[in-house]
Structure formats: C-alpha cells, structure tokens
Amino acid sequence: MKKETLNPPSLFDSRQYGFSQIVGTNPGKMIFISGQVAWDENQNLVGENDLAKQTQKSIDNLKIALETAGGTLEHVVMLRIYKVNYQQEDGATISQVLKENFGTEHPPASTWLSVSGLANEGFMIEIEAQAVI
C-alpha cells in the first residue's frame, strides 16, 4: 500500500502535532478498528490518571489489532481521538505520543473530539483508526 500525505501551505502544518491534513492511498483492503482504550487483555486499566500512558496503551492496542489484520501503524490513514474533557494542555501530551508512534513526516489524518465521558469512568482517551493494507 502506498500512502501519500499532503500538507498544503495554505493550511496550518499539522505534522508538528502528529497528524497530516490529507492522506491518500491506492486501492487495498480497508480496515476499520473500533475505539481502543487503555485496557489490557484482562480489562485492567493501564495508566490510571496518566494521559500519556493511556494514550500509548490505546495505540499499543491499535498495533495489536492492525497486526491481527496483517498491517502496521504505517497503514493507518485516519484516527479519531476522543478525549474526556479536553483541555489545551492535553494536546501537547497526545501530540507527543502520536509523534513517537507515527513520526512527523507521513502521519495519518486525524480528528480530535472532546467528550463528556467514555464507556468506563477511568478512561481518559479512546482512539479509533482506519487503515488500508
């Protein structure tokens, strides 16, 4: 799968935050991954009250799902990130984890949403993904 990222100069350079403005792909198998949270395989919460740890565990769970489908994080073309009661300072934490996992050259497109709550009271963040393999 060839992934093309586009970040036109007439839009702000979102790569500094860990995502691209536009992602295009050639045909391939589309993968849709349900929102991943900071639960391990036994439903133990990883990183209670720690946004960075919960974000990383959510991405680790995305990796597991992608590998099961035959892909990697490089195949991700779109993320939707749901953050409970998003505050501006949360952005730096989330961005850092995204950059560590997706880099800054060709990261996926993304949408970030502030929500009042998620399925479990301890969840701070949930991340869903679309990939093309």
C-alpha atoms as a PDB file:
ATOM      1  CA  MET A   1       0.000   0.000   0.000  1.00  0.00           C
ATOM      2  CA  LYS A   2       1.328   3.414  -0.933  1.00  0.00           C
ATOM      3  CA  LYS A   3       0.230   6.198   1.374  1.00  0.00           C
ATOM      4  CA  GLU A   4       0.538   9.805   0.256  1.00  0.00           C
ATOM      5  CA  THR A   5       0.344  12.596   2.811  1.00  0.00           C
ATOM      6  CA  LEU A   6      -0.380  16.154   1.765  1.00  0.00           C
ATOM      7  CA  ASN A   7       0.052  19.259   3.879  1.00  0.00           C
ATOM      8  CA  PRO A   8      -0.591  22.288   1.659  1.00  0.00           C
ATOM      9  CA  PRO A   9       0.986  25.577   2.719  1.00  0.00           C
ATOM     10  CA  SER A  10      -2.458  27.212   2.687  1.00  0.00           C
ATOM     11  CA  LEU A  11      -3.410  25.044   5.725  1.00  0.00           C
ATOM     12  CA  PHE A  12      -1.519  25.032   9.027  1.00  0.00           C
ATOM     13  CA  ASP A  13       1.330  22.498   9.293  1.00  0.00           C
ATOM     14  CA  SER A  14      -0.353  19.861  11.437  1.00  0.00           C
ATOM     15  CA  ARG A  15       2.625  17.477  11.349  1.00  0.00           C
ATOM     16  CA  GLN A  16       4.035  19.262  14.402  1.00  0.00           C
ATOM     17  CA  TYR A  17       1.019  17.862  16.268  1.00  0.00           C
ATOM     18  CA  GLY A  18       1.427  14.331  14.906  1.00  0.00           C
ATOM     19  CA  PHE A  19      -1.095  14.280  12.059  1.00  0.00           C
ATOM     20  CA  SER A  20      -1.417  15.197   8.382  1.00  0.00           C
ATOM     21  CA  GLN A  21      -4.104  17.359   6.804  1.00  0.00           C
ATOM     22  CA  ILE A  22      -4.726  14.924   3.927  1.00  0.00           C
ATOM     23  CA  VAL A  23      -3.915  11.256   3.338  1.00  0.00           C
ATOM     24  CA  GLY A  24      -4.485   9.406   0.069  1.00  0.00           C
ATOM     25  CA  THR A  25      -3.953   5.740  -0.724  1.00  0.00           C
ATOM     26  CA  ASN A  26      -4.140   3.431  -3.664  1.00  0.00           C
ATOM     27  CA  PRO A  27      -6.660   0.568  -3.544  1.00  0.00           C
ATOM     28  CA  GLY A  28      -6.180  -2.000  -0.827  1.00  0.00           C
ATOM     29  CA  LYS A  29      -8.012  -3.803   1.942  1.00  0.00           C
ATOM     30  CA  MET A  30      -9.738  -1.264   4.190  1.00  0.00           C
ATOM     31  CA  ILE A  31      -9.508  -1.920   7.927  1.00  0.00           C
ATOM     32  CA  PHE A  32     -11.776  -0.217  10.479  1.00  0.00           C
ATOM     33  CA  ILE A  33     -10.652  -0.549  14.092  1.00  0.00           C
ATOM     34  CA  SER A  34     -13.037   0.057  16.960  1.00  0.00           C
ATOM     35  CA  GLY A  35     -12.071   2.640  19.526  1.00  0.00           C
ATOM     36  CA  GLN A  36      -9.166   1.406  21.618  1.00  0.00           C
ATOM     37  CA  VAL A  37      -8.698   2.381  25.248  1.00  0.00           C
ATOM     38  CA  ALA A  38      -6.127   1.772  27.974  1.00  0.00           C
ATOM     39  CA  TRP A  39      -7.361  -1.695  28.921  1.00  0.00           C
ATOM     40  CA  ASP A  40      -5.062  -4.689  28.777  1.00  0.00           C
ATOM     41  CA  GLU A  41      -6.363  -8.087  27.629  1.00  0.00           C
ATOM     42  CA  ASN A  42      -7.810  -8.704  31.124  1.00  0.00           C
ATOM     43  CA  GLN A  43      -9.645  -5.351  31.213  1.00  0.00           C
ATOM     44  CA  ASN A  44      -7.159  -3.869  33.679  1.00  0.00           C
ATOM     45  CA  LEU A  45      -6.790  -0.118  33.245  1.00  0.00           C
ATOM     46  CA  VAL A  46      -3.236   0.907  32.290  1.00  0.00           C
ATOM     47  CA  GLY A  47      -2.129   4.380  33.380  1.00  0.00           C
ATOM     48  CA  GLU A  48      -4.867   5.432  35.753  1.00  0.00           C
ATOM     49  CA  ASN A  49      -4.999   9.270  35.729  1.00  0.00           C
ATOM     50  CA  ASP A  50      -2.000   9.384  33.321  1.00  0.00           C
ATOM     51  CA  LEU A  51      -2.954  10.681  29.881  1.00  0.00           C
ATOM     52  CA  ALA A  52       0.386   9.803  28.244  1.00  0.00           C
ATOM     53  CA  LYS A  53       0.253   6.188  29.461  1.00  0.00           C
ATOM     54  CA  GLN A  54      -3.395   5.799  28.464  1.00  0.00           C
ATOM     55  CA  THR A  55      -2.710   7.266  25.027  1.00  0.00           C
ATOM     56  CA  GLN A  56       0.254   4.921  24.497  1.00  0.00           C
ATOM     57  CA  LYS A  57      -1.724   1.868  25.643  1.00  0.00           C
ATOM     58  CA  SER A  58      -4.547   2.818  23.267  1.00  0.00           C
ATOM     59  CA  ILE A  59      -2.040   2.977  20.403  1.00  0.00           C
ATOM     60  CA  ASP A  60      -0.433  -0.289  21.528  1.00  0.00           C
ATOM     61  CA  ASN A  61      -3.894  -1.854  21.284  1.00  0.00           C
ATOM     62  CA  LEU A  62      -4.284  -0.371  17.787  1.00  0.00           C
ATOM     63  CA  LYS A  63      -0.974  -2.044  16.873  1.00  0.00           C
ATOM     64  CA  ILE A  64      -2.284  -5.414  18.085  1.00  0.00           C
ATOM     65  CA  ALA A  65      -5.476  -5.013  16.052  1.00  0.00           C
ATOM     66  CA  LEU A  66      -3.543  -3.946  12.955  1.00  0.00           C
ATOM     67  CA  GLU A  67      -1.084  -6.832  13.223  1.00  0.00           C
ATOM     68  CA  THR A  68      -4.012  -9.238  13.539  1.00  0.00           C
ATOM     69  CA  ALA A  69      -5.387  -7.826  10.262  1.00  0.00           C
ATOM     70  CA  GLY A  70      -1.949  -8.059   8.580  1.00  0.00           C
ATOM     71  CA  GLY A  71      -0.877  -4.421   8.918  1.00  0.00           C
ATOM     72  CA  THR A  72       1.193  -1.961  10.925  1.00  0.00           C
ATOM     73  CA  LEU A  73       0.805   1.616  12.132  1.00  0.00           C
ATOM     74  CA  GLU A  74       2.195   2.716   8.747  1.00  0.00           C
ATOM     75  CA  HIS A  75      -1.076   1.548   7.171  1.00  0.00           C
ATOM     76  CA  VAL A  76      -3.214   3.896   9.293  1.00  0.00           C
ATOM     77  CA  VAL A  77      -4.745   6.668   7.214  1.00  0.00           C
ATOM     78  CA  MET A  78      -7.205   8.181   9.746  1.00  0.00           C
ATOM     79  CA  LEU A  79      -7.508   8.456  13.516  1.00  0.00           C
ATOM     80  CA  ARG A  80     -10.427   9.679  15.585  1.00  0.00           C
ATOM     81  CA  ILE A  81      -9.361  10.639  19.076  1.00  0.00           C
ATOM     82  CA  TYR A  82     -11.936  11.082  21.834  1.00  0.00           C
ATOM     83  CA  LYS A  83     -10.582  12.853  24.935  1.00  0.00           C
ATOM     84  CA  VAL A  84     -12.680  13.281  28.057  1.00  0.00           C
ATOM     85  CA  ASN A  85     -12.986  16.978  28.938  1.00  0.00           C
ATOM     86  CA  TYR A  86     -10.208  18.041  26.582  1.00  0.00           C
ATOM     87  CA  GLN A  87      -8.045  20.892  27.849  1.00  0.00           C
ATOM     88  CA  GLN A  88      -5.437  22.733  25.780  1.00  0.00           C
ATOM     89  CA  GLU A  89      -2.568  21.214  27.787  1.00  0.00           C
ATOM     90  CA  ASP A  90      -3.812  17.720  26.806  1.00  0.00           C
ATOM     91  CA  GLY A  91      -2.849  18.492  23.217  1.00  0.00           C
ATOM     92  CA  ALA A  92       0.884  18.502  23.902  1.00  0.00           C
ATOM     93  CA  THR A  93       0.705  15.129  25.661  1.00  0.00           C
ATOM     94  CA  ILE A  94      -1.367  13.480  22.941  1.00  0.00           C
ATOM     95  CA  SER A  95       0.764  15.034  20.170  1.00  0.00           C
ATOM     96  CA  GLN A  96       3.977  13.736  21.721  1.00  0.00           C
ATOM     97  CA  VAL A  97       2.685  10.160  21.836  1.00  0.00           C
ATOM     98  CA  LEU A  98       1.391  10.424  18.259  1.00  0.00           C
ATOM     99  CA  LYS A  99       4.751  11.718  17.021  1.00  0.00           C
ATOM    100  CA  GLU A 100       6.621   8.932  18.842  1.00  0.00           C
ATOM    101  CA  ASN A 101       4.424   6.301  17.160  1.00  0.00           C
ATOM    102  CA  PHE A 102       3.663   7.781  13.728  1.00  0.00           C
ATOM    103  CA  GLY A 103       6.576  10.177  13.194  1.00  0.00           C
ATOM    104  CA  THR A 104       6.182  13.643  11.713  1.00  0.00           C
ATOM    105  CA  GLU A 105       6.899  13.016   8.058  1.00  0.00           C
ATOM    106  CA  HIS A 106       3.816  10.989   6.997  1.00  0.00           C
ATOM    107  CA  PRO A 107       1.423  10.699   9.967  1.00  0.00           C
ATOM    108  CA  PRO A 108      -2.243   9.799   9.442  1.00  0.00           C
ATOM    109  CA  ALA A 109      -5.024  12.347   9.205  1.00  0.00           C
ATOM    110  CA  SER A 110      -6.984  12.769  12.432  1.00  0.00           C
ATOM    111  CA  THR A 111      -9.926  14.362  14.165  1.00  0.00           C
ATOM    112  CA  TRP A 112      -9.843  15.142  17.880  1.00  0.00           C
ATOM    113  CA  LEU A 113     -13.066  15.384  19.872  1.00  0.00           C
ATOM    114  CA  SER A 114     -13.754  16.460  23.420  1.00  0.00           C
ATOM    115  CA  VAL A 115     -16.390  14.254  25.049  1.00  0.00           C
ATOM    116  CA  SER A 116     -18.032  14.360  28.462  1.00  0.00           C
ATOM    117  CA  GLY A 117     -17.306  10.697  29.136  1.00  0.00           C
ATOM    118  CA  LEU A 118     -16.448   7.283  27.710  1.00  0.00           C
ATOM    119  CA  ALA A 119     -17.701   3.744  28.418  1.00  0.00           C
ATOM    120  CA  ASN A 120     -15.665   3.392  31.636  1.00  0.00           C
ATOM    121  CA  GLU A 121     -15.194   6.124  34.205  1.00  0.00           C
ATOM    122  CA  GLY A 122     -11.408   5.598  34.264  1.00  0.00           C
ATOM    123  CA  PHE A 123     -10.904   6.072  30.525  1.00  0.00           C
ATOM    124  CA  MET A 124      -9.336   9.414  29.639  1.00  0.00           C
ATOM    125  CA  ILE A 125      -8.972   8.750  25.899  1.00  0.00           C
ATOM    126  CA  GLU A 126     -10.236   6.434  23.162  1.00  0.00           C
ATOM    127  CA  ILE A 127      -8.697   6.143  19.703  1.00  0.00           C
ATOM    128  CA  GLU A 128     -10.247   4.545  16.632  1.00  0.00           C
ATOM    129  CA  ALA A 129      -8.465   4.049  13.330  1.00  0.00           C
ATOM    130  CA  GLN A 130      -8.945   3.388   9.648  1.00  0.00           C
ATOM    131  CA  ALA A 131      -6.174   1.695   7.710  1.00  0.00           C
ATOM    132  CA  VAL A 132      -5.556   0.494   4.170  1.00  0.00           C
ATOM    133  CA  ILE A 133      -3.444  -2.630   3.745  1.00  0.00           C
END
